[in-house]
Amino acid sequence: MSLDCRRTSQRGTSLLELTVVMALIALLAGVVTAAWDTGSTELAAAHQEIVGSLDQAFTLARARGTDVTVALGKASGAGEHLPVQLSRGVKWGKPAHIPLPPDMDADPLAARTGESHPLITVTPRHTTLASAWFVNNGKEALCMRLNGKGHLKVLRWRRELSKWTRV
């Protein structure tokens, strides 16, 4: 019995080929990560921060039996304020290139300064003394509107849709 010793060709992936593919995947992952738009995440975080601060202000106002003021940005004025912290990518106010939400009249102060109500005062009766705040990341914006009974309505300017949507 003779054995036929033929060398068969084996097809597979070499270590060099595997290394090149992994390097390309790492390069693509780096490009995607660098291009990732964190502005949407920052606006969502600002929304949660403002909602949390307003909830805390309503709770404090009811517990103390006095008005509590929530301050956004560099608010000026006398008295103690419950501050709202925003990330660096989120700015206070509405950019000029973003239109006002439907059914909202232009505020002369907001048109001049970019901010309408730097302070919102909440009362122990769950009412507010200001109506709207805007925050933006330069591309998109949030409009938080409070009615007189303290109910919050949040709208978001969607650049890709060119319209305000409810959050």
N, C-alpha and C. Protein backbone atom coordinates (compact mmCIF):
# COMPACT_ATOMS: atom_id res chain seq x y z
N MET A 1 0.81 -1.16 0.00
CA MET A 1 0.00 0.00 0.00
C MET A 1 0.86 1.24 0.00
N SER A 2 0.71 2.03 -1.00
CA SER A 2 1.51 3.25 -1.04
C SER A 2 0.63 4.46 -0.72
N LEU A 3 1.24 5.32 -0.05
CA LEU A 3 0.54 6.55 0.33
C LEU A 3 0.89 7.65 -0.64
N ASP A 4 -0.14 8.28 -1.13
CA ASP A 4 0.09 9.38 -2.05
C ASP A 4 0.21 10.66 -1.23
N CYS A 5 1.38 11.18 -1.17
CA CYS A 5 1.64 12.38 -0.36
C CYS A 5 1.52 13.61 -1.23
N ARG A 6 0.36 14.02 -1.40
CA ARG A 6 0.14 15.24 -2.17
C ARG A 6 -0.10 16.39 -1.19
N ARG A 7 0.44 17.46 -1.56
CA ARG A 7 0.23 18.66 -0.74
C ARG A 7 -1.03 19.34 -1.23
N THR A 8 -1.97 19.45 -0.34
CA THR A 8 -3.22 20.09 -0.75
C THR A 8 -3.16 21.56 -0.38
N SER A 9 -3.73 22.34 -1.22
CA SER A 9 -3.76 23.78 -1.00
C SER A 9 -4.83 24.10 0.03
N GLN A 10 -4.44 24.81 1.06
CA GLN A 10 -5.39 25.21 2.09
C GLN A 10 -5.68 26.70 1.92
N ARG A 11 -6.94 27.02 1.96
CA ARG A 11 -7.34 28.42 1.86
C ARG A 11 -7.83 28.84 3.23
N GLY A 12 -7.37 29.95 3.68
CA GLY A 12 -7.76 30.46 4.97
C GLY A 12 -7.34 31.92 5.10
N THR A 13 -7.46 32.43 6.25
CA THR A 13 -7.11 33.83 6.50
C THR A 13 -5.81 33.88 7.27
N SER A 14 -4.90 34.66 6.75
CA SER A 14 -3.61 34.78 7.44
C SER A 14 -3.72 35.82 8.55
N LEU A 15 -2.78 35.81 9.41
CA LEU A 15 -2.75 36.76 10.51
C LEU A 15 -2.60 38.19 9.98
N LEU A 16 -1.84 38.37 8.92
CA LEU A 16 -1.67 39.69 8.34
C LEU A 16 -2.99 40.23 7.79
N GLU A 17 -3.73 39.39 7.09
CA GLU A 17 -5.02 39.82 6.55
C GLU A 17 -5.99 40.19 7.68
N LEU A 18 -6.01 39.40 8.71
CA LEU A 18 -6.87 39.67 9.85
C LEU A 18 -6.51 40.99 10.53
N THR A 19 -5.23 41.26 10.66
CA THR A 19 -4.76 42.50 11.26
C THR A 19 -5.15 43.71 10.42
N VAL A 20 -5.05 43.61 9.11
CA VAL A 20 -5.42 44.71 8.22
C VAL A 20 -6.92 45.00 8.32
N VAL A 21 -7.73 43.95 8.34
CA VAL A 21 -9.18 44.13 8.45
C VAL A 21 -9.53 44.79 9.79
N MET A 22 -8.91 44.36 10.86
CA MET A 22 -9.20 44.94 12.18
C MET A 22 -8.76 46.40 12.23
N ALA A 23 -7.65 46.73 11.59
CA ALA A 23 -7.19 48.13 11.57
C ALA A 23 -8.18 49.00 10.79
N LEU A 24 -8.72 48.49 9.69
CA LEU A 24 -9.72 49.24 8.93
C LEU A 24 -10.99 49.44 9.74
N ILE A 25 -11.44 48.44 10.46
CA ILE A 25 -12.63 48.56 11.31
C ILE A 25 -12.39 49.59 12.40
N ALA A 26 -11.22 49.59 13.01
CA ALA A 26 -10.89 50.57 14.05
C ALA A 26 -10.87 51.98 13.48
N LEU A 27 -10.34 52.14 12.28
CA LEU A 27 -10.29 53.44 11.63
C LEU A 27 -11.70 53.95 11.34
N LEU A 28 -12.56 53.10 10.81
CA LEU A 28 -13.94 53.49 10.55
C LEU A 28 -14.70 53.82 11.83
N ALA A 29 -14.47 53.05 12.88
CA ALA A 29 -15.12 53.33 14.17
C ALA A 29 -14.68 54.68 14.71
N GLY A 30 -13.41 55.02 14.54
CA GLY A 30 -12.91 56.32 14.98
C GLY A 30 -13.54 57.47 14.21
N VAL A 31 -13.70 57.31 12.91
CA VAL A 31 -14.31 58.36 12.09
C VAL A 31 -15.78 58.54 12.47
N VAL A 32 -16.51 57.44 12.66
CA VAL A 32 -17.92 57.52 13.04
C VAL A 32 -18.06 58.16 14.41
N THR A 33 -17.22 57.80 15.35
CA THR A 33 -17.29 58.37 16.70
C THR A 33 -17.01 59.87 16.67
N ALA A 34 -16.04 60.29 15.87
CA ALA A 34 -15.70 61.72 15.79
C ALA A 34 -16.83 62.51 15.13
N ALA A 35 -17.54 61.90 14.20
CA ALA A 35 -18.62 62.60 13.50
C ALA A 35 -19.95 62.52 14.23
N TRP A 36 -20.02 61.77 15.31
CA TRP A 36 -21.27 61.58 16.05
C TRP A 36 -21.76 62.91 16.59
N ASP A 37 -23.00 63.22 16.39
CA ASP A 37 -23.58 64.48 16.84
C ASP A 37 -24.05 64.32 18.29
N THR A 38 -23.29 64.89 19.22
CA THR A 38 -23.65 64.80 20.64
C THR A 38 -24.63 65.90 21.04
N GLY A 39 -24.93 66.79 20.11
CA GLY A 39 -25.84 67.89 20.43
C GLY A 39 -27.21 67.40 20.85
N SER A 40 -27.72 66.37 20.20
CA SER A 40 -29.03 65.84 20.56
C SER A 40 -29.02 65.29 21.97
N THR A 41 -27.94 64.61 22.32
CA THR A 41 -27.80 64.06 23.67
C THR A 41 -27.72 65.18 24.70
N GLU A 42 -26.99 66.24 24.36
CA GLU A 42 -26.85 67.36 25.28
C GLU A 42 -28.18 68.08 25.48
N LEU A 43 -28.97 68.22 24.41
CA LEU A 43 -30.29 68.85 24.55
C LEU A 43 -31.21 67.98 25.41
N ALA A 44 -31.14 66.67 25.22
CA ALA A 44 -31.96 65.77 26.05
C ALA A 44 -31.56 65.89 27.52
N ALA A 45 -30.26 66.01 27.78
CA ALA A 45 -29.78 66.16 29.17
C ALA A 45 -30.25 67.51 29.74
N ALA A 46 -30.22 68.57 28.92
CA ALA A 46 -30.69 69.88 29.38
C ALA A 46 -32.19 69.83 29.70
N HIS A 47 -32.94 69.13 28.86
CA HIS A 47 -34.38 68.96 29.10
C HIS A 47 -34.61 68.29 30.45
N GLN A 48 -33.89 67.21 30.72
CA GLN A 48 -34.04 66.50 31.99
C GLN A 48 -33.62 67.36 33.18
N GLU A 49 -32.56 68.13 33.00
CA GLU A 49 -32.08 69.02 34.07
C GLU A 49 -33.13 70.07 34.42
N ILE A 50 -33.73 70.66 33.40
CA ILE A 50 -34.74 71.70 33.63
C ILE A 50 -35.99 71.11 34.27
N VAL A 51 -36.44 69.97 33.76
CA VAL A 51 -37.61 69.31 34.35
C VAL A 51 -37.35 68.97 35.81
N GLY A 52 -36.17 68.43 36.11
CA GLY A 52 -35.82 68.10 37.49
C GLY A 52 -35.76 69.33 38.38
N SER A 53 -35.20 70.43 37.87
CA SER A 53 -35.13 71.66 38.66
C SER A 53 -36.50 72.24 38.92
N LEU A 54 -37.38 72.18 37.91
CA LEU A 54 -38.74 72.69 38.13
C LEU A 54 -39.50 71.83 39.13
N ASP A 55 -39.36 70.50 39.04
CA ASP A 55 -40.00 69.61 40.01
C ASP A 55 -39.51 69.91 41.42
N GLN A 56 -38.19 70.10 41.54
CA GLN A 56 -37.62 70.41 42.85
C GLN A 56 -38.13 71.76 43.36
N ALA A 57 -38.25 72.74 42.46
CA ALA A 57 -38.74 74.05 42.86
C ALA A 57 -40.19 73.98 43.33
N PHE A 58 -41.04 73.23 42.63
CA PHE A 58 -42.43 73.09 43.06
C PHE A 58 -42.52 72.40 44.42
N THR A 59 -41.69 71.39 44.64
CA THR A 59 -41.68 70.70 45.93
C THR A 59 -41.22 71.63 47.05
N LEU A 60 -40.13 72.38 46.80
CA LEU A 60 -39.63 73.33 47.80
C LEU A 60 -40.64 74.44 48.09
N ALA A 61 -41.29 74.94 47.05
CA ALA A 61 -42.27 76.02 47.24
C ALA A 61 -43.43 75.55 48.11
N ARG A 62 -43.88 74.34 47.84
CA ARG A 62 -45.00 73.82 48.63
C ARG A 62 -44.55 73.56 50.08
N ALA A 63 -43.35 72.98 50.26
CA ALA A 63 -42.86 72.66 51.62
C ALA A 63 -42.59 73.93 52.43
N ARG A 64 -42.01 74.95 51.79
CA ARG A 64 -41.67 76.18 52.51
C ARG A 64 -42.85 77.14 52.62
N GLY A 65 -43.79 77.01 51.70
CA GLY A 65 -44.90 77.96 51.67
C GLY A 65 -44.53 79.30 51.09
N THR A 66 -43.41 79.35 50.35
CA THR A 66 -42.96 80.60 49.72
C THR A 66 -42.59 80.32 48.27
N ASP A 67 -42.46 81.40 47.51
CA ASP A 67 -42.05 81.27 46.11
C ASP A 67 -40.60 80.79 46.03
N VAL A 68 -40.32 80.02 45.00
CA VAL A 68 -38.96 79.57 44.72
C VAL A 68 -38.63 79.94 43.29
N THR A 69 -37.43 80.48 43.07
CA THR A 69 -37.01 80.92 41.75
C THR A 69 -36.01 79.94 41.16
N VAL A 70 -36.23 79.58 39.90
CA VAL A 70 -35.31 78.72 39.15
C VAL A 70 -34.58 79.63 38.16
N ALA A 71 -33.25 79.57 38.17
CA ALA A 71 -32.44 80.43 37.32
C ALA A 71 -31.73 79.61 36.26
N LEU A 72 -31.82 80.05 35.03
CA LEU A 72 -31.13 79.39 33.92
C LEU A 72 -30.04 80.31 33.41
N GLY A 73 -28.87 79.78 33.22
CA GLY A 73 -27.77 80.59 32.73
C GLY A 73 -27.27 81.55 33.79
N LYS A 74 -26.81 82.70 33.36
CA LYS A 74 -26.29 83.71 34.28
C LYS A 74 -27.41 84.67 34.64
N ALA A 75 -28.30 84.24 35.46
CA ALA A 75 -29.44 85.07 35.85
C ALA A 75 -28.99 86.16 36.79
N SER A 76 -29.55 87.34 36.59
CA SER A 76 -29.25 88.45 37.49
C SER A 76 -30.49 88.77 38.29
N GLY A 77 -30.29 89.37 39.39
CA GLY A 77 -31.42 89.74 40.23
C GLY A 77 -31.13 89.38 41.68
N ALA A 78 -31.91 89.95 42.54
CA ALA A 78 -31.70 89.73 43.97
C ALA A 78 -32.36 88.43 44.40
N GLY A 79 -31.89 87.90 45.51
CA GLY A 79 -32.51 86.71 46.08
C GLY A 79 -31.79 85.43 45.72
N GLU A 80 -32.25 84.35 46.36
CA GLU A 80 -31.65 83.04 46.16
C GLU A 80 -32.34 82.33 45.01
N HIS A 81 -31.55 81.66 44.18
CA HIS A 81 -32.09 80.99 43.01
C HIS A 81 -31.69 79.52 43.02
N LEU A 82 -32.56 78.66 42.53
CA LEU A 82 -32.26 77.26 42.31
C LEU A 82 -31.64 77.18 40.92
N PRO A 83 -30.33 76.88 40.80
CA PRO A 83 -29.67 76.97 39.50
C PRO A 83 -29.95 75.75 38.61
N VAL A 84 -29.90 75.99 37.31
CA VAL A 84 -29.98 74.92 36.31
C VAL A 84 -28.63 74.88 35.62
N GLN A 85 -27.98 73.73 35.65
CA GLN A 85 -26.67 73.58 35.04
C GLN A 85 -26.82 73.01 33.63
N LEU A 86 -26.20 73.66 32.66
CA LEU A 86 -26.22 73.19 31.28
C LEU A 86 -24.81 72.79 30.85
N SER A 87 -24.73 71.81 29.95
CA SER A 87 -23.42 71.42 29.44
C SER A 87 -22.88 72.52 28.53
N ARG A 88 -21.60 72.42 28.20
CA ARG A 88 -20.96 73.46 27.39
C ARG A 88 -21.58 73.61 26.01
N GLY A 89 -22.07 72.51 25.44
CA GLY A 89 -22.62 72.56 24.09
C GLY A 89 -24.01 73.14 24.00
N VAL A 90 -24.66 73.36 25.14
CA VAL A 90 -26.03 73.88 25.16
C VAL A 90 -25.99 75.33 25.63
N LYS A 91 -26.66 76.17 24.87
CA LYS A 91 -26.69 77.59 25.19
C LYS A 91 -28.11 78.04 25.50
N TRP A 92 -28.21 79.08 26.27
CA TRP A 92 -29.47 79.66 26.68
C TRP A 92 -29.97 80.59 25.57
N GLY A 93 -31.22 80.49 25.22
CA GLY A 93 -31.81 81.37 24.22
C GLY A 93 -32.16 80.65 22.93
N LYS A 94 -32.81 81.39 22.03
CA LYS A 94 -33.22 80.86 20.73
C LYS A 94 -32.40 81.54 19.66
N PRO A 95 -31.69 80.76 18.82
CA PRO A 95 -30.94 81.39 17.72
C PRO A 95 -31.89 82.09 16.75
N ALA A 96 -31.40 83.12 16.10
CA ALA A 96 -32.23 83.92 15.18
C ALA A 96 -32.72 83.10 13.99
N HIS A 97 -31.95 82.09 13.56
CA HIS A 97 -32.34 81.32 12.36
C HIS A 97 -33.44 80.29 12.64
N ILE A 98 -33.80 80.09 13.91
CA ILE A 98 -34.87 79.15 14.25
C ILE A 98 -36.14 79.95 14.53
N PRO A 99 -37.24 79.64 13.84
CA PRO A 99 -38.47 80.40 14.05
C PRO A 99 -39.11 80.09 15.41
N LEU A 100 -40.00 80.95 15.83
CA LEU A 100 -40.75 80.70 17.06
C LEU A 100 -41.72 79.54 16.85
N PRO A 101 -42.05 78.83 17.91
CA PRO A 101 -43.06 77.77 17.79
C PRO A 101 -44.41 78.34 17.39
N PRO A 102 -45.29 77.48 16.87
CA PRO A 102 -46.63 77.96 16.50
C PRO A 102 -47.35 78.57 17.70
N ASP A 103 -48.17 79.56 17.42
CA ASP A 103 -48.99 80.23 18.44
C ASP A 103 -48.17 80.92 19.52
N MET A 104 -46.98 81.36 19.18
CA MET A 104 -46.15 82.07 20.16
C MET A 104 -45.77 83.43 19.59
N ASP A 105 -46.10 84.49 20.32
CA ASP A 105 -45.77 85.85 19.89
C ASP A 105 -44.33 86.16 20.24
N ALA A 106 -43.72 86.98 19.42
CA ALA A 106 -42.34 87.39 19.68
C ALA A 106 -42.30 88.27 20.93
N ASP A 107 -41.33 88.02 21.77
CA ASP A 107 -41.10 88.81 22.98
C ASP A 107 -40.05 89.86 22.64
N PRO A 108 -40.34 91.16 22.84
CA PRO A 108 -39.36 92.19 22.50
C PRO A 108 -38.02 91.99 23.23
N LEU A 109 -38.05 91.59 24.50
CA LEU A 109 -36.82 91.36 25.24
C LEU A 109 -36.04 90.20 24.63
N ALA A 110 -36.73 89.14 24.28
CA ALA A 110 -36.07 87.99 23.68
C ALA A 110 -35.48 88.36 22.33
N ALA A 111 -36.14 89.20 21.56
CA ALA A 111 -35.62 89.62 20.27
C ALA A 111 -34.31 90.40 20.43
N ARG A 112 -34.20 91.18 21.52
CA ARG A 112 -32.99 91.98 21.75
C ARG A 112 -31.87 91.17 22.37
N THR A 113 -32.18 90.31 23.34
CA THR A 113 -31.14 89.67 24.13
C THR A 113 -30.99 88.17 23.88
N GLY A 114 -31.95 87.53 23.21
CA GLY A 114 -31.89 86.09 22.99
C GLY A 114 -32.45 85.30 24.15
N GLU A 115 -32.86 85.98 25.21
CA GLU A 115 -33.44 85.27 26.35
C GLU A 115 -34.72 85.98 26.76
N SER A 116 -35.70 85.21 27.07
CA SER A 116 -37.00 85.77 27.40
C SER A 116 -37.19 85.87 28.90
N HIS A 117 -37.00 84.77 29.60
CA HIS A 117 -37.20 84.74 31.05
C HIS A 117 -36.00 84.07 31.70
N PRO A 118 -35.00 84.82 32.15
CA PRO A 118 -33.85 84.19 32.79
C PRO A 118 -34.21 83.58 34.14
N LEU A 119 -35.35 83.97 34.69
CA LEU A 119 -35.81 83.43 35.96
C LEU A 119 -37.24 82.94 35.82
N ILE A 120 -37.55 81.83 36.44
CA ILE A 120 -38.93 81.37 36.53
C ILE A 120 -39.24 81.21 38.00
N THR A 121 -40.27 81.88 38.45
CA THR A 121 -40.69 81.79 39.84
C THR A 121 -41.89 80.87 39.94
N VAL A 122 -41.78 79.88 40.82
CA VAL A 122 -42.91 78.97 41.06
C VAL A 122 -43.46 79.26 42.45
N THR A 123 -44.75 79.07 42.58
CA THR A 123 -45.43 79.41 43.83
C THR A 123 -45.88 78.14 44.55
N PRO A 124 -46.21 78.26 45.83
CA PRO A 124 -46.71 77.10 46.58
C PRO A 124 -48.02 76.55 46.02
N ARG A 125 -48.75 77.35 45.24
CA ARG A 125 -50.01 76.89 44.66
C ARG A 125 -49.82 76.19 43.32
N HIS A 126 -48.58 75.87 42.98
CA HIS A 126 -48.23 75.18 41.73
C HIS A 126 -48.53 76.04 40.50
N THR A 127 -48.23 77.32 40.62
CA THR A 127 -48.35 78.24 39.49
C THR A 127 -46.97 78.81 39.20
N THR A 128 -46.82 79.43 38.01
CA THR A 128 -45.54 80.01 37.62
C THR A 128 -45.72 81.46 37.22
N LEU A 129 -44.62 82.21 37.29
CA LEU A 129 -44.65 83.62 36.92
C LEU A 129 -43.84 83.90 35.66
N ALA A 130 -43.54 82.89 34.87
CA ALA A 130 -42.89 83.05 33.57
C ALA A 130 -43.43 81.94 32.68
N SER A 131 -43.27 82.11 31.37
CA SER A 131 -43.95 81.15 30.50
C SER A 131 -43.06 80.32 29.59
N ALA A 132 -41.88 80.79 29.22
CA ALA A 132 -41.11 80.02 28.22
C ALA A 132 -39.61 80.17 28.42
N TRP A 133 -38.91 79.09 28.10
CA TRP A 133 -37.45 79.07 28.06
C TRP A 133 -37.03 78.43 26.75
N PHE A 134 -35.93 78.90 26.19
CA PHE A 134 -35.32 78.27 25.03
C PHE A 134 -33.89 77.88 25.37
N VAL A 135 -33.49 76.70 24.95
CA VAL A 135 -32.09 76.28 24.98
C VAL A 135 -31.78 75.71 23.60
N ASN A 136 -30.51 75.80 23.18
CA ASN A 136 -30.15 75.34 21.85
C ASN A 136 -28.73 74.84 21.81
N ASN A 137 -28.42 74.08 20.77
CA ASN A 137 -27.05 73.62 20.54
C ASN A 137 -26.49 74.21 19.26
N GLY A 138 -27.13 75.25 18.74
CA GLY A 138 -26.70 75.89 17.51
C GLY A 138 -27.40 75.34 16.28
N LYS A 139 -27.87 74.11 16.34
CA LYS A 139 -28.55 73.47 15.21
C LYS A 139 -30.02 73.22 15.52
N GLU A 140 -30.29 72.73 16.72
CA GLU A 140 -31.64 72.43 17.15
C GLU A 140 -31.91 73.19 18.44
N ALA A 141 -33.18 73.26 18.82
CA ALA A 141 -33.54 74.01 20.02
C ALA A 141 -34.69 73.32 20.74
N LEU A 142 -34.78 73.60 22.03
CA LEU A 142 -35.92 73.18 22.84
C LEU A 142 -36.64 74.42 23.31
N CYS A 143 -37.96 74.36 23.28
CA CYS A 143 -38.79 75.41 23.85
C CYS A 143 -39.61 74.76 24.96
N MET A 144 -39.39 75.22 26.18
CA MET A 144 -40.15 74.71 27.31
C MET A 144 -41.14 75.77 27.71
N ARG A 145 -42.42 75.44 27.58
CA ARG A 145 -43.48 76.40 27.87
C ARG A 145 -44.28 75.94 29.08
N LEU A 146 -44.40 76.82 30.04
CA LEU A 146 -45.19 76.55 31.25
C LEU A 146 -46.48 77.35 31.18
N ASN A 147 -47.57 76.68 31.48
CA ASN A 147 -48.80 77.45 31.58
C ASN A 147 -48.92 77.96 33.01
N GLY A 148 -49.92 78.74 33.29
CA GLY A 148 -50.08 79.34 34.61
C GLY A 148 -50.26 78.34 35.73
N LYS A 149 -50.65 77.12 35.42
CA LYS A 149 -50.85 76.09 36.45
C LYS A 149 -49.62 75.20 36.62
N GLY A 150 -48.52 75.56 35.97
CA GLY A 150 -47.28 74.81 36.15
C GLY A 150 -47.13 73.57 35.28
N HIS A 151 -47.99 73.40 34.27
CA HIS A 151 -47.86 72.26 33.37
C HIS A 151 -46.85 72.59 32.28
N LEU A 152 -45.88 71.70 32.09
CA LEU A 152 -44.79 71.93 31.16
C LEU A 152 -45.08 71.26 29.82
N LYS A 153 -44.90 72.02 28.75
CA LYS A 153 -45.00 71.50 27.39
C LYS A 153 -43.65 71.75 26.73
N VAL A 154 -43.05 70.70 26.18
CA VAL A 154 -41.72 70.82 25.59
C VAL A 154 -41.83 70.58 24.09
N LEU A 155 -41.29 71.52 23.32
CA LEU A 155 -41.23 71.41 21.86
C LEU A 155 -39.77 71.39 21.44
N ARG A 156 -39.47 70.68 20.36
CA ARG A 156 -38.11 70.60 19.86
C ARG A 156 -38.08 70.99 18.39
N TRP A 157 -37.18 71.91 18.04
CA TRP A 157 -36.99 72.29 16.65
C TRP A 157 -36.12 71.22 15.99
N ARG A 158 -36.70 70.55 15.00
CA ARG A 158 -35.99 69.50 14.26
C ARG A 158 -35.47 70.10 12.96
N ARG A 159 -34.17 70.22 12.86
CA ARG A 159 -33.55 70.83 11.69
C ARG A 159 -33.87 70.06 10.42
N GLU A 160 -33.80 68.72 10.51
CA GLU A 160 -34.03 67.92 9.30
C GLU A 160 -35.49 67.98 8.83
N LEU A 161 -36.41 68.28 9.73
CA LEU A 161 -37.84 68.40 9.38
C LEU A 161 -38.26 69.86 9.16
N SER A 162 -37.44 70.79 9.61
CA SER A 162 -37.74 72.22 9.58
C SER A 162 -39.08 72.53 10.24
N LYS A 163 -39.30 71.91 11.40
CA LYS A 163 -40.52 72.21 12.14
C LYS A 163 -40.35 71.84 13.61
N TRP A 164 -41.26 72.37 14.43
CA TRP A 164 -41.29 72.07 15.85
C TRP A 164 -42.08 70.79 16.07
N THR A 165 -41.56 69.90 16.91
CA THR A 165 -42.28 68.67 17.27
C THR A 165 -42.40 68.60 18.78
N ARG A 166 -43.41 67.92 19.23
CA ARG A 166 -43.63 67.78 20.68
C ARG A 166 -42.72 66.68 21.23
N VAL A 167 -42.14 66.94 22.38
CA VAL A 167 -41.24 65.96 23.02
C VAL A 167 -42.05 65.15 24.00
